[in-house]
């Protein structure tokens, strides 16, 4: 039996987060998806933030990343500028595949190499863990918004 690598172990944990995020996004009603008492409480905004941030951290460089992303979101504009649930689920799938590939390509010994994102930790392993913690933190906020809208929270995976 072949032992798991650090990358495959981390990938399994990311996949659990992606499954929870996918379920949480799907449970919002269309009416609540791009609504909120304030712009910063909009479920679509938080879901997009989780996905685009992992997209950024799945790369080997800080250079050339478009933070407004494919949807050209201006965080100060009203809800109608937000991507649909389906659009974000498609983007989620792309970023999940990208992060899986990055983790699979990082050998155990390379996990101890310096991260190009020094604020995330001293090495790539810390970087990948930081990124997962960041995603889970905001997934918790998104889950709370789901519950405030009267939907059943997503099961822990």
Foldseek 3Di string as FASTA:
>chain_A
DDDDFLLVVLLVVVVLLLVQLLVLLVQDDQVQQLDDPDLVLHLLVLLVVLLLLLLCLLDQANPDRDPCPPLNDDSVDGRVSGDHSVVSNVSSVVSSVSSSVSSVPQGNVQQAPAGNPPVQDGGNSSSSVSSSVVSVVSSVSSQVSSVVVPTDGGDRD
